[in-house]
Amino acid sequence: MKHSEILELIDKVAEHGIHSVEIEQAGTRVKIEGKSSTPAQHIHVGEMKSEGAPLAAASVAPPSEAARSEEKAKKAEESDAGLHIITSPIVGTFYRAASPESPPFVNVGDRISKGKVLCIVEAMKLMNEIESDIDGVIAKIYPQNGQPVEYGENLFAVKV
């Protein structure tokens, strides 16, 4: 199962209010649990290894924190009007450079083109290069180096 298919499945579960979905295909097992009446929900996505450990897991904040997050997101959207936002496709740790000794992939003010590597998001010891999906100039870098990021969290704002 491709990463993009898993992300589509997560979106469909959230969109339709489905309680739980579990799919196993060609040795890959994906289980997604939607919102329920309990305050904290969990999403488990991953291929099961022989040890039985999932590749990735994400936790959704309780409603009170979610309400605060929505307010912050609305304020951020207003200040980012007219900018293209590049978001995290996965849960993991954000890194601006390939190694601590390397220079950052991009800085604010850098001109980028579609396909340029902008950062790395580490998930379960896998280094995932996040590429630009648009041409433009980096206007803002949201997370700090080494900061945990969630699926859909803003990473970069780009002036088109």
C-alpha atoms as a PDB file:
ATOM      1  CA  MET A   1       0.000   0.000   0.000  1.00  0.00           C
ATOM      2  CA  LYS A   2       1.432   3.362  -1.016  1.00  0.00           C
ATOM      3  CA  HIS A   3       1.907   6.244   1.423  1.00  0.00           C
ATOM      4  CA  SER A   4      -0.508   8.436  -0.574  1.00  0.00           C
ATOM      5  CA  GLU A   5      -3.185   5.715  -0.432  1.00  0.00           C
ATOM      6  CA  ILE A   6      -2.848   5.521   3.350  1.00  0.00           C
ATOM      7  CA  LEU A   7      -3.202   9.313   3.630  1.00  0.00           C
ATOM      8  CA  GLU A   8      -6.318   9.211   1.411  1.00  0.00           C
ATOM      9  CA  LEU A   9      -7.776   6.495   3.616  1.00  0.00           C
ATOM     10  CA  ILE A  10      -7.133   8.573   6.763  1.00  0.00           C
ATOM     11  CA  ASP A  11      -8.896  11.550   5.144  1.00  0.00           C
ATOM     12  CA  LYS A  12     -11.908   9.406   4.142  1.00  0.00           C
ATOM     13  CA  VAL A  13     -12.233   7.951   7.667  1.00  0.00           C
ATOM     14  CA  ALA A  14     -12.193  11.447   9.175  1.00  0.00           C
ATOM     15  CA  GLU A  15     -14.502  12.884   6.513  1.00  0.00           C
ATOM     16  CA  HIS A  16     -17.184  10.215   6.863  1.00  0.00           C
ATOM     17  CA  GLY A  17     -16.957   9.774  10.648  1.00  0.00           C
ATOM     18  CA  ILE A  18     -16.111   6.068  10.315  1.00  0.00           C
ATOM     19  CA  HIS A  19     -15.321   4.485  13.687  1.00  0.00           C
ATOM     20  CA  SER A  20     -12.604   2.026  12.577  1.00  0.00           C
ATOM     21  CA  VAL A  21     -11.045   0.563   9.434  1.00  0.00           C
ATOM     22  CA  GLU A  22      -8.484  -2.222   9.211  1.00  0.00           C
ATOM     23  CA  ILE A  23      -6.924  -3.372   5.931  1.00  0.00           C
ATOM     24  CA  GLU A  24      -4.273  -6.000   5.276  1.00  0.00           C
ATOM     25  CA  GLN A  25      -2.739  -6.184   1.818  1.00  0.00           C
ATOM     26  CA  ALA A  26       0.456  -7.868   0.617  1.00  0.00           C
ATOM     27  CA  GLY A  27       1.969  -8.076   4.093  1.00  0.00           C
ATOM     28  CA  THR A  28       0.978  -4.518   5.038  1.00  0.00           C
ATOM     29  CA  ARG A  29      -1.590  -4.002   7.764  1.00  0.00           C
ATOM     30  CA  VAL A  30      -3.275  -0.612   8.222  1.00  0.00           C
ATOM     31  CA  LYS A  31      -5.676   0.145  11.078  1.00  0.00           C
ATOM     32  CA  ILE A  32      -7.337   3.548  11.380  1.00  0.00           C
ATOM     33  CA  GLU A  33      -9.652   4.429  14.240  1.00  0.00           C
ATOM     34  CA  GLY A  34     -11.865   7.483  13.755  1.00  0.00           C
ATOM     35  CA  LYS A  35     -13.402   9.780  16.339  1.00  0.00           C
ATOM     36  CA  SER A  36     -15.464   8.274  19.128  1.00  0.00           C
ATOM     37  CA  SER A  37     -17.135   9.599  22.253  1.00  0.00           C
ATOM     38  CA  THR A  38     -13.894   9.259  24.250  1.00  0.00           C
ATOM     39  CA  PRO A  39     -11.681  12.366  24.508  1.00  0.00           C
ATOM     40  CA  ALA A  40      -8.527  10.902  22.920  1.00  0.00           C
ATOM     41  CA  GLN A  41      -8.449   9.051  19.616  1.00  0.00           C
ATOM     42  CA  HIS A  42      -5.559   7.131  18.110  1.00  0.00           C
ATOM     43  CA  ILE A  43      -4.623   6.383  14.526  1.00  0.00           C
ATOM     44  CA  HIS A  44      -2.350   3.424  13.879  1.00  0.00           C
ATOM     45  CA  VAL A  45      -0.774   3.121  10.448  1.00  0.00           C
ATOM     46  CA  GLY A  46       1.936   0.697   9.558  1.00  0.00           C
ATOM     47  CA  GLU A  47       3.253  -2.559   8.304  1.00  0.00           C
ATOM     48  CA  MET A  48       3.386  -5.240  10.932  1.00  0.00           C
ATOM     49  CA  LYS A  49       6.807  -6.769  11.386  1.00  0.00           C
ATOM     50  CA  SER A  50       7.385 -10.213  12.856  1.00  0.00           C
ATOM     51  CA  GLU A  51       7.790  -8.589  16.278  1.00  0.00           C
ATOM     52  CA  GLY A  52       4.295  -7.128  15.866  1.00  0.00           C
ATOM     53  CA  ALA A  53       5.363  -3.476  16.228  1.00  0.00           C
ATOM     54  CA  PRO A  54       3.552  -0.934  14.005  1.00  0.00           C
ATOM     55  CA  LEU A  55       5.644   1.365  11.819  1.00  0.00           C
ATOM     56  CA  ALA A  56       3.917   4.585  12.887  1.00  0.00           C
ATOM     57  CA  ALA A  57       1.291   5.797  15.342  1.00  0.00           C
ATOM     58  CA  ALA A  58      -0.337   9.171  15.798  1.00  0.00           C
ATOM     59  CA  SER A  59      -2.493  10.556  18.541  1.00  0.00           C
ATOM     60  CA  VAL A  60      -5.223  13.150  18.103  1.00  0.00           C
ATOM     61  CA  ALA A  61      -5.525  15.777  20.855  1.00  0.00           C
ATOM     62  CA  PRO A  62      -8.537  15.858  23.191  1.00  0.00           C
ATOM     63  CA  PRO A  63     -11.327  18.296  22.207  1.00  0.00           C
ATOM     64  CA  SER A  64     -10.254  21.082  24.582  1.00  0.00           C
ATOM     65  CA  GLU A  65      -6.761  21.136  23.098  1.00  0.00           C
ATOM     66  CA  ALA A  66      -8.225  20.721  19.623  1.00  0.00           C
ATOM     67  CA  ALA A  67     -10.357  23.839  20.107  1.00  0.00           C
ATOM     68  CA  ARG A  68      -7.254  25.815  21.095  1.00  0.00           C
ATOM     69  CA  SER A  69      -5.363  24.401  18.119  1.00  0.00           C
ATOM     70  CA  GLU A  70      -8.178  25.447  15.778  1.00  0.00           C
ATOM     71  CA  GLU A  71      -8.013  29.022  17.087  1.00  0.00           C
ATOM     72  CA  LYS A  72      -4.247  29.101  16.497  1.00  0.00           C
ATOM     73  CA  ALA A  73      -4.744  27.624  13.016  1.00  0.00           C
ATOM     74  CA  LYS A  74      -7.332  30.292  12.128  1.00  0.00           C
ATOM     75  CA  LYS A  75      -4.969  33.068  13.224  1.00  0.00           C
ATOM     76  CA  ALA A  76      -2.121  31.474  11.267  1.00  0.00           C
ATOM     77  CA  GLU A  77      -4.322  31.166   8.162  1.00  0.00           C
ATOM     78  CA  GLU A  78      -5.188  34.853   8.323  1.00  0.00           C
ATOM     79  CA  SER A  79      -1.505  35.848   8.500  1.00  0.00           C
ATOM     80  CA  ASP A  80      -0.640  33.371   5.719  1.00  0.00           C
ATOM     81  CA  ALA A  81      -3.248  34.670   3.250  1.00  0.00           C
ATOM     82  CA  GLY A  82      -1.917  34.479  -0.291  1.00  0.00           C
ATOM     83  CA  LEU A  83       0.825  31.991   0.608  1.00  0.00           C
ATOM     84  CA  HIS A  84       1.022  28.340  -0.420  1.00  0.00           C
ATOM     85  CA  ILE A  85       1.380  26.124   2.667  1.00  0.00           C
ATOM     86  CA  ILE A  86       3.407  22.909   2.534  1.00  0.00           C
ATOM     87  CA  THR A  87       2.257  20.498   5.248  1.00  0.00           C
ATOM     88  CA  SER A  88       3.727  17.363   6.775  1.00  0.00           C
ATOM     89  CA  PRO A  89       2.548  14.181   5.041  1.00  0.00           C
ATOM     90  CA  ILE A  90       3.479  12.086   8.099  1.00  0.00           C
ATOM     91  CA  VAL A  91       4.011  12.150  11.849  1.00  0.00           C
ATOM     92  CA  GLY A  92       7.666  12.401  12.828  1.00  0.00           C
ATOM     93  CA  THR A  93      10.584  14.654  13.722  1.00  0.00           C
ATOM     94  CA  PHE A  94      11.354  17.686  11.525  1.00  0.00           C
ATOM     95  CA  TYR A  95      14.953  18.254  10.416  1.00  0.00           C
ATOM     96  CA  ARG A  96      16.106  21.223   8.311  1.00  0.00           C
ATOM     97  CA  ALA A  97      19.346  19.523   7.169  1.00  0.00           C
ATOM     98  CA  ALA A  98      20.553  16.043   6.206  1.00  0.00           C
ATOM     99  CA  SER A  99      22.894  15.950   9.227  1.00  0.00           C
ATOM    100  CA  PRO A 100      23.839  18.247  12.127  1.00  0.00           C
ATOM    101  CA  GLU A 101      27.006  19.320  10.251  1.00  0.00           C
ATOM    102  CA  SER A 102      25.193  20.017   6.946  1.00  0.00           C
ATOM    103  CA  PRO A 103      23.699  23.384   5.998  1.00  0.00           C
ATOM    104  CA  PRO A 104      19.860  23.612   5.976  1.00  0.00           C
ATOM    105  CA  PHE A 105      18.116  22.501   2.778  1.00  0.00           C
ATOM    106  CA  VAL A 106      16.366  25.903   2.574  1.00  0.00           C
ATOM    107  CA  ASN A 107      16.196  29.211   4.442  1.00  0.00           C
ATOM    108  CA  VAL A 108      13.605  31.993   4.472  1.00  0.00           C
ATOM    109  CA  GLY A 109      14.004  33.985   1.255  1.00  0.00           C
ATOM    110  CA  ASP A 110      15.374  31.077  -0.808  1.00  0.00           C
ATOM    111  CA  ARG A 111      13.884  30.549  -4.283  1.00  0.00           C
ATOM    112  CA  ILE A 112      12.676  26.957  -4.677  1.00  0.00           C
ATOM    113  CA  SER A 113      11.371  24.898  -7.563  1.00  0.00           C
ATOM    114  CA  LYS A 114       8.976  21.968  -7.677  1.00  0.00           C
ATOM    115  CA  GLY A 115      10.717  18.773  -6.515  1.00  0.00           C
ATOM    116  CA  LYS A 116      13.378  20.517  -4.382  1.00  0.00           C
ATOM    117  CA  VAL A 117      14.018  18.810  -1.036  1.00  0.00           C
ATOM    118  CA  LEU A 118      12.944  21.197   1.731  1.00  0.00           C
ATOM    119  CA  CYS A 119      13.465  19.113   4.863  1.00  0.00           C
ATOM    120  CA  ILE A 120      13.473  15.619   6.323  1.00  0.00           C
ATOM    121  CA  VAL A 121      10.775  14.164   8.545  1.00  0.00           C
ATOM    122  CA  GLU A 122      12.059  11.153  10.477  1.00  0.00           C
ATOM    123  CA  ALA A 123       9.456   8.514  11.310  1.00  0.00           C
ATOM    124  CA  MET A 124      10.514   5.320  13.074  1.00  0.00           C
ATOM    125  CA  LYS A 125      14.173   5.726  12.014  1.00  0.00           C
ATOM    126  CA  LEU A 126      13.167   6.264   8.366  1.00  0.00           C
ATOM    127  CA  MET A 127      14.320   9.572   6.870  1.00  0.00           C
ATOM    128  CA  ASN A 128      11.592  10.926   4.559  1.00  0.00           C
ATOM    129  CA  GLU A 129      12.616  13.774   2.261  1.00  0.00           C
ATOM    130  CA  ILE A 130       9.837  16.333   1.899  1.00  0.00           C
ATOM    131  CA  GLU A 131       9.875  17.988  -1.518  1.00  0.00           C
ATOM    132  CA  SER A 132       8.307  21.207  -2.759  1.00  0.00           C
ATOM    133  CA  ASP A 133       5.114  20.823  -4.756  1.00  0.00           C
ATOM    134  CA  ILE A 134       5.359  24.347  -6.180  1.00  0.00           C
ATOM    135  CA  ASP A 135       7.805  26.994  -7.456  1.00  0.00           C
ATOM    136  CA  GLY A 136       8.243  30.073  -5.286  1.00  0.00           C
ATOM    137  CA  VAL A 137      10.145  31.733  -2.424  1.00  0.00           C
ATOM    138  CA  ILE A 138      10.246  30.416   1.163  1.00  0.00           C
ATOM    139  CA  ALA A 139       8.325  32.971   3.268  1.00  0.00           C
ATOM    140  CA  LYS A 140       8.150  31.112   6.565  1.00  0.00           C
ATOM    141  CA  ILE A 141       9.464  27.949   8.221  1.00  0.00           C
ATOM    142  CA  TYR A 142       7.063  26.852  10.956  1.00  0.00           C
ATOM    143  CA  PRO A 143       8.710  24.089  13.057  1.00  0.00           C
ATOM    144  CA  GLN A 144      12.082  24.342  14.758  1.00  0.00           C
ATOM    145  CA  ASN A 145      14.842  21.869  13.880  1.00  0.00           C
ATOM    146  CA  GLY A 146      14.317  18.623  15.818  1.00  0.00           C
ATOM    147  CA  GLN A 147      10.695  19.466  16.682  1.00  0.00           C
ATOM    148  CA  PRO A 148       8.015  16.736  16.451  1.00  0.00           C
ATOM    149  CA  VAL A 149       5.414  17.350  13.722  1.00  0.00           C
ATOM    150  CA  GLU A 150       2.027  15.790  13.085  1.00  0.00           C
ATOM    151  CA  TYR A 151       0.254  14.797   9.893  1.00  0.00           C
ATOM    152  CA  GLY A 152      -1.095  17.934   8.187  1.00  0.00           C
ATOM    153  CA  GLU A 153       0.945  20.339  10.329  1.00  0.00           C
ATOM    154  CA  ASN A 154       2.300  23.410   8.488  1.00  0.00           C
ATOM    155  CA  LEU A 155       5.996  23.127   7.586  1.00  0.00           C
ATOM    156  CA  PHE A 156       6.616  25.947   5.095  1.00  0.00           C
ATOM    157  CA  ALA A 157       4.812  28.973   3.648  1.00  0.00           C
ATOM    158  CA  VAL A 158       5.792  29.744   0.052  1.00  0.00           C
ATOM    159  CA  LYS A 159       5.190  32.961  -1.914  1.00  0.00           C
ATOM    160  CA  VAL A 160       4.119  31.826  -5.359  1.00  0.00           C
END
